[in-house]
Amino acid sequence: GIINYEPRRIALREVVDHVFRVLESRAAIKSQSLINEVEIATEVYADKNMISALLINLVNNGIKFTPQNGSIRVYTVTQNEKLKICVEDTGVGIEEENIPKLFRIDVSYQRQGTEREPGTGLGLIMCKEYLSLMGETISVSSQVGKGTTISFTVTPALSGAQV
């Protein structure tokens, strides 16, 4: 009851650009590329602060778990009547058996980043809570040594329609 969900039409590419500006100095330390492949015209119906917090957390994780000269890419995929926002990195990956632990508060799963950056294990739990509040979902696909893609769904803003 503490978090207010105030959805409205937002330009997704602008939100991703803002997130990249916030995190670009962290990525620069590791000579990483931040790639925004969200189309300029992409609009979603969501809470701007929540989407920003989600993306900051996911891109920051990508930076943390990706070695020097890697990349973090944000792109979208249309899936049924939802838009899937994907944050893909070229990082160390996550073992399949550990993926379910990422979203559980009752299981401790903490890892250091590639430069020994600390992690609390709470960021993805917060992401899942935000998405539950929004009525959306989150998923993870990963290959050890190749990278991870974390995706979440949002409602696309339909031109001229009130959602």
N, C-alpha and C. Protein backbone atom coordinates (compact mmCIF):
# COMPACT_ATOMS: atom_id res chain seq x y z
N GLY A 1 0.80 -1.20 0.00
CA GLY A 1 0.00 0.00 0.00
C GLY A 1 0.84 1.26 0.00
N ILE A 2 2.15 1.14 0.06
CA ILE A 2 3.02 2.31 0.10
C ILE A 2 3.29 2.84 -1.31
N ILE A 3 3.36 1.95 -2.28
CA ILE A 3 3.69 2.34 -3.65
C ILE A 3 2.42 2.65 -4.42
N ASN A 4 2.39 3.83 -5.03
CA ASN A 4 1.25 4.22 -5.85
C ASN A 4 1.54 3.85 -7.30
N TYR A 5 0.59 3.17 -7.91
CA TYR A 5 0.70 2.81 -9.32
C TYR A 5 -0.14 3.79 -10.11
N GLU A 6 0.52 4.65 -10.89
CA GLU A 6 -0.17 5.68 -11.66
C GLU A 6 0.18 5.53 -13.14
N PRO A 7 -0.52 4.63 -13.83
CA PRO A 7 -0.20 4.41 -15.24
C PRO A 7 -0.66 5.55 -16.14
N ARG A 8 0.11 5.77 -17.18
CA ARG A 8 -0.24 6.73 -18.22
C ARG A 8 0.59 6.39 -19.46
N ARG A 9 0.32 7.03 -20.54
CA ARG A 9 1.06 6.80 -21.79
C ARG A 9 2.46 7.40 -21.65
N ILE A 10 3.47 6.55 -21.90
CA ILE A 10 4.86 7.04 -21.84
C ILE A 10 5.63 6.57 -23.07
N ALA A 11 6.60 7.39 -23.46
CA ALA A 11 7.48 7.07 -24.59
C ALA A 11 8.61 6.19 -24.05
N LEU A 12 8.59 4.93 -24.40
CA LEU A 12 9.54 3.97 -23.82
C LEU A 12 10.99 4.28 -24.19
N ARG A 13 11.25 4.65 -25.44
CA ARG A 13 12.63 4.93 -25.83
C ARG A 13 13.24 6.03 -24.97
N GLU A 14 12.45 7.06 -24.66
CA GLU A 14 12.95 8.16 -23.82
C GLU A 14 13.30 7.66 -22.42
N VAL A 15 12.49 6.75 -21.88
CA VAL A 15 12.77 6.20 -20.55
C VAL A 15 14.08 5.41 -20.59
N VAL A 16 14.28 4.59 -21.63
CA VAL A 16 15.52 3.82 -21.76
C VAL A 16 16.71 4.76 -21.92
N ASP A 17 16.57 5.82 -22.73
CA ASP A 17 17.65 6.81 -22.87
C ASP A 17 18.02 7.41 -21.52
N HIS A 18 17.00 7.75 -20.73
CA HIS A 18 17.25 8.32 -19.40
C HIS A 18 18.00 7.32 -18.50
N VAL A 19 17.55 6.08 -18.51
CA VAL A 19 18.21 5.04 -17.70
C VAL A 19 19.67 4.90 -18.12
N PHE A 20 19.93 4.90 -19.42
CA PHE A 20 21.31 4.78 -19.91
C PHE A 20 22.14 5.98 -19.46
N ARG A 21 21.56 7.19 -19.47
CA ARG A 21 22.32 8.37 -19.00
C ARG A 21 22.68 8.22 -17.52
N VAL A 22 21.74 7.69 -16.74
CA VAL A 22 21.98 7.50 -15.30
C VAL A 22 23.13 6.50 -15.08
N LEU A 23 23.20 5.46 -15.92
CA LEU A 23 24.15 4.37 -15.69
C LEU A 23 25.38 4.38 -16.60
N GLU A 24 25.49 5.35 -17.50
CA GLU A 24 26.57 5.32 -18.48
C GLU A 24 27.97 5.39 -17.85
N SER A 25 28.13 6.08 -16.74
CA SER A 25 29.46 6.16 -16.12
C SER A 25 29.87 4.80 -15.55
N ARG A 26 28.90 4.04 -15.02
CA ARG A 26 29.21 2.68 -14.53
C ARG A 26 29.63 1.77 -15.68
N ALA A 27 28.90 1.86 -16.80
CA ALA A 27 29.23 1.04 -17.96
C ALA A 27 30.59 1.45 -18.54
N ALA A 28 30.90 2.74 -18.52
CA ALA A 28 32.17 3.24 -19.07
C ALA A 28 33.36 2.69 -18.30
N ILE A 29 33.20 2.51 -17.00
CA ILE A 29 34.30 1.96 -16.18
C ILE A 29 34.72 0.58 -16.70
N LYS A 30 33.76 -0.18 -17.22
CA LYS A 30 34.03 -1.52 -17.73
C LYS A 30 34.06 -1.55 -19.26
N SER A 31 34.12 -0.37 -19.89
CA SER A 31 34.15 -0.26 -21.36
C SER A 31 33.02 -1.04 -22.02
N GLN A 32 31.82 -0.93 -21.43
CA GLN A 32 30.66 -1.65 -21.95
C GLN A 32 29.81 -0.75 -22.83
N SER A 33 29.13 -1.36 -23.78
CA SER A 33 28.22 -0.64 -24.66
C SER A 33 26.80 -0.78 -24.14
N LEU A 34 26.07 0.34 -24.10
CA LEU A 34 24.66 0.34 -23.76
C LEU A 34 23.91 0.62 -25.06
N ILE A 35 23.06 -0.32 -25.47
CA ILE A 35 22.42 -0.26 -26.79
C ILE A 35 20.91 -0.19 -26.62
N ASN A 36 20.33 0.92 -27.10
CA ASN A 36 18.88 1.13 -27.03
C ASN A 36 18.30 0.84 -28.41
N GLU A 37 17.62 -0.30 -28.53
CA GLU A 37 16.98 -0.68 -29.78
C GLU A 37 15.46 -0.53 -29.75
N VAL A 38 14.97 0.23 -28.78
CA VAL A 38 13.53 0.49 -28.70
C VAL A 38 13.18 1.50 -29.80
N GLU A 39 12.17 1.19 -30.58
CA GLU A 39 11.76 2.09 -31.67
C GLU A 39 11.27 3.42 -31.09
N ILE A 40 11.55 4.49 -31.80
CA ILE A 40 11.19 5.83 -31.33
C ILE A 40 9.70 5.95 -31.03
N ALA A 41 8.87 5.37 -31.84
CA ALA A 41 7.41 5.52 -31.69
C ALA A 41 6.79 4.62 -30.63
N THR A 42 7.57 3.80 -29.96
CA THR A 42 7.02 2.85 -28.99
C THR A 42 6.52 3.56 -27.74
N GLU A 43 5.22 3.41 -27.49
CA GLU A 43 4.62 3.96 -26.28
C GLU A 43 3.97 2.83 -25.49
N VAL A 44 4.05 2.95 -24.18
CA VAL A 44 3.43 1.95 -23.32
C VAL A 44 2.51 2.66 -22.32
N TYR A 45 1.58 1.91 -21.79
CA TYR A 45 0.68 2.41 -20.76
C TYR A 45 1.16 1.81 -19.45
N ALA A 46 1.87 2.62 -18.67
CA ALA A 46 2.49 2.12 -17.44
C ALA A 46 2.84 3.29 -16.53
N ASP A 47 3.28 2.97 -15.34
CA ASP A 47 3.76 3.97 -14.41
C ASP A 47 5.22 4.27 -14.75
N LYS A 48 5.51 5.51 -15.13
CA LYS A 48 6.84 5.89 -15.59
C LYS A 48 7.91 5.64 -14.52
N ASN A 49 7.60 5.96 -13.26
CA ASN A 49 8.58 5.75 -12.19
C ASN A 49 8.90 4.26 -12.00
N MET A 50 7.87 3.42 -12.09
CA MET A 50 8.09 1.98 -11.94
C MET A 50 8.90 1.42 -13.10
N ILE A 51 8.55 1.82 -14.32
CA ILE A 51 9.30 1.34 -15.49
C ILE A 51 10.76 1.79 -15.39
N SER A 52 10.99 3.03 -14.97
CA SER A 52 12.36 3.52 -14.79
C SER A 52 13.10 2.71 -13.74
N ALA A 53 12.46 2.46 -12.61
CA ALA A 53 13.10 1.69 -11.53
C ALA A 53 13.41 0.27 -12.00
N LEU A 54 12.48 -0.34 -12.72
CA LEU A 54 12.70 -1.69 -13.25
C LEU A 54 13.92 -1.70 -14.18
N LEU A 55 13.93 -0.77 -15.12
CA LEU A 55 15.03 -0.74 -16.10
C LEU A 55 16.36 -0.39 -15.45
N ILE A 56 16.36 0.53 -14.49
CA ILE A 56 17.62 0.85 -13.80
C ILE A 56 18.17 -0.40 -13.12
N ASN A 57 17.30 -1.13 -12.45
CA ASN A 57 17.74 -2.34 -11.77
C ASN A 57 18.27 -3.37 -12.76
N LEU A 58 17.54 -3.62 -13.83
CA LEU A 58 17.93 -4.67 -14.78
C LEU A 58 19.18 -4.29 -15.57
N VAL A 59 19.28 -3.04 -16.00
CA VAL A 59 20.48 -2.61 -16.74
C VAL A 59 21.68 -2.60 -15.79
N ASN A 60 21.48 -2.14 -14.56
CA ASN A 60 22.56 -2.15 -13.57
C ASN A 60 23.05 -3.58 -13.32
N ASN A 61 22.13 -4.54 -13.22
CA ASN A 61 22.54 -5.95 -13.09
C ASN A 61 23.33 -6.40 -14.30
N GLY A 62 22.88 -6.00 -15.49
CA GLY A 62 23.61 -6.35 -16.70
C GLY A 62 25.04 -5.83 -16.65
N ILE A 63 25.21 -4.59 -16.22
CA ILE A 63 26.55 -3.99 -16.10
C ILE A 63 27.37 -4.77 -15.08
N LYS A 64 26.76 -5.07 -13.95
CA LYS A 64 27.46 -5.76 -12.86
C LYS A 64 27.96 -7.14 -13.26
N PHE A 65 27.15 -7.88 -14.01
CA PHE A 65 27.49 -9.27 -14.32
C PHE A 65 28.05 -9.48 -15.73
N THR A 66 28.42 -8.37 -16.38
CA THR A 66 29.04 -8.44 -17.70
C THR A 66 30.48 -7.98 -17.58
N PRO A 67 31.42 -8.76 -18.14
CA PRO A 67 32.82 -8.37 -18.05
C PRO A 67 33.16 -7.18 -18.95
N GLN A 68 34.40 -6.73 -18.84
CA GLN A 68 34.93 -5.65 -19.67
C GLN A 68 34.57 -5.86 -21.14
N ASN A 69 34.25 -4.76 -21.83
CA ASN A 69 33.98 -4.74 -23.27
C ASN A 69 32.72 -5.48 -23.69
N GLY A 70 31.86 -5.82 -22.75
CA GLY A 70 30.60 -6.48 -23.08
C GLY A 70 29.54 -5.45 -23.46
N SER A 71 28.31 -5.92 -23.59
CA SER A 71 27.23 -5.01 -23.94
C SER A 71 25.93 -5.37 -23.22
N ILE A 72 25.11 -4.34 -23.07
CA ILE A 72 23.78 -4.49 -22.50
C ILE A 72 22.84 -3.85 -23.51
N ARG A 73 21.85 -4.59 -23.95
CA ARG A 73 20.95 -4.14 -25.01
C ARG A 73 19.52 -4.20 -24.51
N VAL A 74 18.75 -3.15 -24.80
CA VAL A 74 17.33 -3.12 -24.47
C VAL A 74 16.56 -3.07 -25.78
N TYR A 75 15.59 -3.98 -25.91
CA TYR A 75 14.76 -4.04 -27.11
C TYR A 75 13.38 -4.54 -26.72
N THR A 76 12.44 -4.47 -27.67
CA THR A 76 11.08 -4.93 -27.38
C THR A 76 10.66 -5.98 -28.40
N VAL A 77 9.72 -6.81 -27.96
CA VAL A 77 9.12 -7.83 -28.81
C VAL A 77 7.61 -7.80 -28.53
N THR A 78 6.81 -7.81 -29.58
CA THR A 78 5.36 -7.90 -29.39
C THR A 78 5.00 -9.36 -29.15
N GLN A 79 4.23 -9.58 -28.08
CA GLN A 79 3.83 -10.94 -27.72
C GLN A 79 2.36 -10.93 -27.36
N ASN A 80 1.55 -11.52 -28.23
CA ASN A 80 0.09 -11.48 -28.08
C ASN A 80 -0.35 -10.02 -27.99
N GLU A 81 -1.02 -9.62 -26.95
CA GLU A 81 -1.45 -8.23 -26.84
C GLU A 81 -0.59 -7.45 -25.86
N LYS A 82 0.58 -7.95 -25.58
CA LYS A 82 1.52 -7.30 -24.66
C LYS A 82 2.78 -6.91 -25.42
N LEU A 83 3.55 -6.05 -24.79
CA LEU A 83 4.87 -5.70 -25.30
C LEU A 83 5.87 -6.25 -24.29
N LYS A 84 6.83 -6.98 -24.77
CA LYS A 84 7.85 -7.56 -23.90
C LYS A 84 9.09 -6.67 -24.00
N ILE A 85 9.52 -6.14 -22.87
CA ILE A 85 10.74 -5.34 -22.81
C ILE A 85 11.86 -6.26 -22.36
N CYS A 86 12.91 -6.34 -23.17
CA CYS A 86 14.00 -7.28 -22.93
C CYS A 86 15.30 -6.54 -22.63
N VAL A 87 15.97 -6.96 -21.57
CA VAL A 87 17.28 -6.43 -21.21
C VAL A 87 18.25 -7.60 -21.34
N GLU A 88 19.11 -7.52 -22.35
CA GLU A 88 20.01 -8.63 -22.69
C GLU A 88 21.45 -8.20 -22.44
N ASP A 89 22.21 -9.06 -21.77
CA ASP A 89 23.63 -8.75 -21.56
C ASP A 89 24.50 -9.88 -22.11
N THR A 90 25.77 -9.58 -22.25
CA THR A 90 26.76 -10.57 -22.71
C THR A 90 27.62 -10.99 -21.52
N GLY A 91 26.96 -11.19 -20.40
CA GLY A 91 27.65 -11.46 -19.15
C GLY A 91 27.91 -12.92 -18.86
N VAL A 92 28.11 -13.19 -17.58
CA VAL A 92 28.54 -14.51 -17.12
C VAL A 92 27.43 -15.55 -17.13
N GLY A 93 26.17 -15.09 -17.16
CA GLY A 93 25.05 -16.02 -17.18
C GLY A 93 24.72 -16.56 -15.81
N ILE A 94 23.61 -17.28 -15.76
CA ILE A 94 23.09 -17.85 -14.51
C ILE A 94 22.81 -19.33 -14.75
N GLU A 95 23.24 -20.16 -13.83
CA GLU A 95 22.95 -21.59 -13.94
C GLU A 95 21.44 -21.81 -13.87
N GLU A 96 20.94 -22.70 -14.68
CA GLU A 96 19.49 -22.95 -14.78
C GLU A 96 18.85 -23.24 -13.43
N GLU A 97 19.53 -23.99 -12.58
CA GLU A 97 18.93 -24.34 -11.29
C GLU A 97 18.82 -23.13 -10.35
N ASN A 98 19.55 -22.05 -10.64
CA ASN A 98 19.50 -20.86 -9.79
C ASN A 98 18.45 -19.84 -10.24
N ILE A 99 17.94 -19.97 -11.44
CA ILE A 99 16.98 -18.98 -11.94
C ILE A 99 15.74 -18.86 -11.04
N PRO A 100 15.12 -19.96 -10.60
CA PRO A 100 13.94 -19.80 -9.72
C PRO A 100 14.26 -19.09 -8.41
N LYS A 101 15.50 -19.16 -7.94
CA LYS A 101 15.88 -18.51 -6.68
C LYS A 101 15.91 -16.99 -6.78
N LEU A 102 16.03 -16.47 -8.00
CA LEU A 102 16.19 -15.03 -8.20
C LEU A 102 15.03 -14.21 -7.66
N PHE A 103 13.83 -14.78 -7.65
CA PHE A 103 12.63 -14.03 -7.30
C PHE A 103 12.04 -14.44 -5.95
N ARG A 104 12.78 -15.20 -5.17
CA ARG A 104 12.25 -15.70 -3.89
C ARG A 104 12.93 -15.01 -2.72
N ILE A 105 12.13 -14.40 -1.88
CA ILE A 105 12.66 -13.70 -0.70
C ILE A 105 13.09 -14.69 0.38
N ASP A 106 12.53 -15.92 0.34
CA ASP A 106 12.83 -16.91 1.37
C ASP A 106 14.08 -17.73 1.04
N VAL A 107 14.73 -17.45 -0.09
CA VAL A 107 15.94 -18.16 -0.49
C VAL A 107 17.03 -17.13 -0.72
N SER A 108 18.15 -17.29 -0.07
CA SER A 108 19.25 -16.34 -0.26
C SER A 108 20.04 -16.70 -1.51
N TYR A 109 20.03 -15.78 -2.47
CA TYR A 109 20.85 -15.97 -3.67
C TYR A 109 21.55 -14.65 -3.95
N GLN A 110 22.84 -14.61 -3.59
CA GLN A 110 23.64 -13.41 -3.79
C GLN A 110 24.89 -13.78 -4.57
N ARG A 111 25.29 -12.87 -5.46
CA ARG A 111 26.51 -13.08 -6.24
C ARG A 111 27.25 -11.76 -6.37
N GLN A 112 28.55 -11.87 -6.45
CA GLN A 112 29.35 -10.68 -6.74
C GLN A 112 29.41 -10.51 -8.25
N GLY A 113 29.55 -9.25 -8.67
CA GLY A 113 29.70 -8.95 -10.08
C GLY A 113 31.08 -9.33 -10.58
N THR A 114 31.34 -9.08 -11.85
CA THR A 114 32.61 -9.47 -12.47
C THR A 114 33.79 -8.69 -11.92
N GLU A 115 33.54 -7.54 -11.31
CA GLU A 115 34.61 -6.75 -10.67
C GLU A 115 34.40 -6.74 -9.15
N ARG A 116 33.81 -7.82 -8.65
CA ARG A 116 33.53 -7.99 -7.22
C ARG A 116 32.52 -6.98 -6.68
N GLU A 117 31.65 -6.46 -7.56
CA GLU A 117 30.60 -5.57 -7.09
C GLU A 117 29.65 -6.36 -6.20
N PRO A 118 29.25 -5.78 -5.06
CA PRO A 118 28.36 -6.51 -4.15
C PRO A 118 26.94 -6.57 -4.69
N GLY A 119 26.21 -7.60 -4.25
CA GLY A 119 24.80 -7.73 -4.59
C GLY A 119 24.03 -8.17 -3.37
N THR A 120 22.81 -7.67 -3.24
CA THR A 120 21.99 -8.05 -2.08
C THR A 120 21.03 -9.18 -2.41
N GLY A 121 20.77 -9.38 -3.70
CA GLY A 121 19.79 -10.38 -4.09
C GLY A 121 18.36 -9.88 -3.99
N LEU A 122 18.16 -8.59 -3.71
CA LEU A 122 16.81 -8.05 -3.54
C LEU A 122 16.27 -7.32 -4.76
N GLY A 123 17.12 -6.93 -5.68
CA GLY A 123 16.68 -6.13 -6.84
C GLY A 123 15.65 -6.82 -7.69
N LEU A 124 15.87 -8.09 -8.02
CA LEU A 124 14.91 -8.80 -8.86
C LEU A 124 13.62 -9.11 -8.12
N ILE A 125 13.72 -9.28 -6.81
CA ILE A 125 12.51 -9.48 -6.00
C ILE A 125 11.66 -8.21 -6.05
N MET A 126 12.31 -7.03 -5.95
CA MET A 126 11.60 -5.77 -6.06
C MET A 126 10.96 -5.63 -7.45
N CYS A 127 11.69 -6.02 -8.48
CA CYS A 127 11.15 -5.96 -9.85
C CYS A 127 9.89 -6.80 -9.96
N LYS A 128 9.94 -8.01 -9.43
CA LYS A 128 8.77 -8.89 -9.51
C LYS A 128 7.59 -8.29 -8.76
N GLU A 129 7.83 -7.67 -7.61
CA GLU A 129 6.76 -7.04 -6.84
C GLU A 129 6.13 -5.88 -7.61
N TYR A 130 6.95 -5.04 -8.21
CA TYR A 130 6.43 -3.93 -9.03
C TYR A 130 5.57 -4.48 -10.16
N LEU A 131 6.08 -5.50 -10.84
CA LEU A 131 5.35 -6.06 -11.98
C LEU A 131 4.05 -6.73 -11.53
N SER A 132 4.04 -7.37 -10.37
CA SER A 132 2.80 -7.94 -9.84
C SER A 132 1.78 -6.85 -9.59
N LEU A 133 2.23 -5.73 -9.04
CA LEU A 133 1.36 -4.60 -8.79
C LEU A 133 0.76 -4.07 -10.10
N MET A 134 1.54 -4.14 -11.18
CA MET A 134 1.11 -3.68 -12.49
C MET A 134 0.31 -4.74 -13.25
N GLY A 135 0.24 -5.97 -12.71
CA GLY A 135 -0.45 -7.06 -13.40
C GLY A 135 0.37 -7.63 -14.54
N GLU A 136 1.68 -7.52 -14.43
CA GLU A 136 2.59 -7.97 -15.50
C GLU A 136 3.49 -9.09 -15.00
N THR A 137 4.28 -9.65 -15.91
CA THR A 137 5.14 -10.79 -15.59
C THR A 137 6.60 -10.51 -15.94
N ILE A 138 7.48 -11.31 -15.38
CA ILE A 138 8.92 -11.21 -15.65
C ILE A 138 9.44 -12.62 -15.92
N SER A 139 10.44 -12.72 -16.80
CA SER A 139 11.04 -14.03 -17.09
C SER A 139 12.53 -13.86 -17.34
N VAL A 140 13.25 -14.97 -17.19
CA VAL A 140 14.70 -14.98 -17.36
C VAL A 140 15.10 -16.12 -18.27
N SER A 141 15.99 -15.84 -19.21
CA SER A 141 16.65 -16.90 -19.96
C SER A 141 18.14 -16.61 -19.91
N SER A 142 18.94 -17.65 -19.77
CA SER A 142 20.36 -17.43 -19.57
C SER A 142 21.17 -18.63 -20.03
N GLN A 143 22.39 -18.35 -20.45
CA GLN A 143 23.36 -19.39 -20.76
C GLN A 143 24.65 -19.01 -20.05
N VAL A 144 25.16 -19.92 -19.25
CA VAL A 144 26.40 -19.65 -18.53
C VAL A 144 27.50 -19.35 -19.54
N GLY A 145 28.21 -18.25 -19.29
CA GLY A 145 29.31 -17.84 -20.15
C GLY A 145 28.90 -17.06 -21.38
N LYS A 146 27.60 -16.95 -21.63
CA LYS A 146 27.13 -16.23 -22.84
C LYS A 146 26.26 -15.03 -22.52
N GLY A 147 25.56 -15.06 -21.40
CA GLY A 147 24.74 -13.92 -21.04
C GLY A 147 23.35 -14.27 -20.58
N THR A 148 22.60 -13.22 -20.26
CA THR A 148 21.27 -13.35 -19.70
C THR A 148 20.34 -12.35 -20.34
N THR A 149 19.10 -12.76 -20.54
CA THR A 149 18.05 -11.84 -20.97
C THR A 149 16.93 -11.90 -19.95
N ILE A 150 16.62 -10.75 -19.38
CA ILE A 150 15.49 -10.64 -18.46
C ILE A 150 14.43 -9.81 -19.18
N SER A 151 13.23 -10.37 -19.25
CA SER A 151 12.15 -9.74 -19.99
C SER A 151 10.95 -9.53 -19.08
N PHE A 152 10.24 -8.43 -19.31
CA PHE A 152 8.99 -8.22 -18.60
C PHE A 152 7.95 -7.65 -19.55
N THR A 153 6.69 -7.93 -19.23
CA THR A 153 5.61 -7.48 -20.10
C THR A 153 5.05 -6.14 -19.63
N VAL A 154 4.54 -5.39 -20.59
CA VAL A 154 3.82 -4.15 -20.31
C VAL A 154 2.68 -4.05 -21.32
N THR A 155 1.77 -3.15 -21.05
CA THR A 155 0.66 -2.92 -21.96
C THR A 155 1.06 -1.85 -22.96
N PRO A 156 0.98 -2.14 -24.25
CA PRO A 156 1.30 -1.10 -25.23
C PRO A 156 0.21 -0.03 -25.21
N ALA A 157 0.60 1.22 -25.46
CA ALA A 157 -0.38 2.31 -25.58
C ALA A 157 -0.93 2.26 -26.98
N LEU A 158 -2.21 2.09 -27.11
CA LEU A 158 -2.84 2.00 -28.41
C LEU A 158 -3.16 3.41 -28.91
N SER A 159 -2.76 3.72 -30.13
CA SER A 159 -2.96 5.08 -30.63
C SER A 159 -4.44 5.43 -30.64
N GLY A 160 -4.76 6.55 -30.02
CA GLY A 160 -6.13 7.04 -29.98
C GLY A 160 -7.05 6.34 -29.00
N ALA A 161 -6.59 5.28 -28.36
CA ALA A 161 -7.46 4.53 -27.46
C ALA A 161 -7.18 4.91 -26.02
N GLN A 162 -8.22 4.91 -25.22
CA GLN A 162 -8.05 5.11 -23.79
C GLN A 162 -7.93 3.75 -23.15
N VAL A 163 -6.91 3.57 -22.38
CA VAL A 163 -6.69 2.28 -21.74
C VAL A 163 -7.18 2.37 -20.32
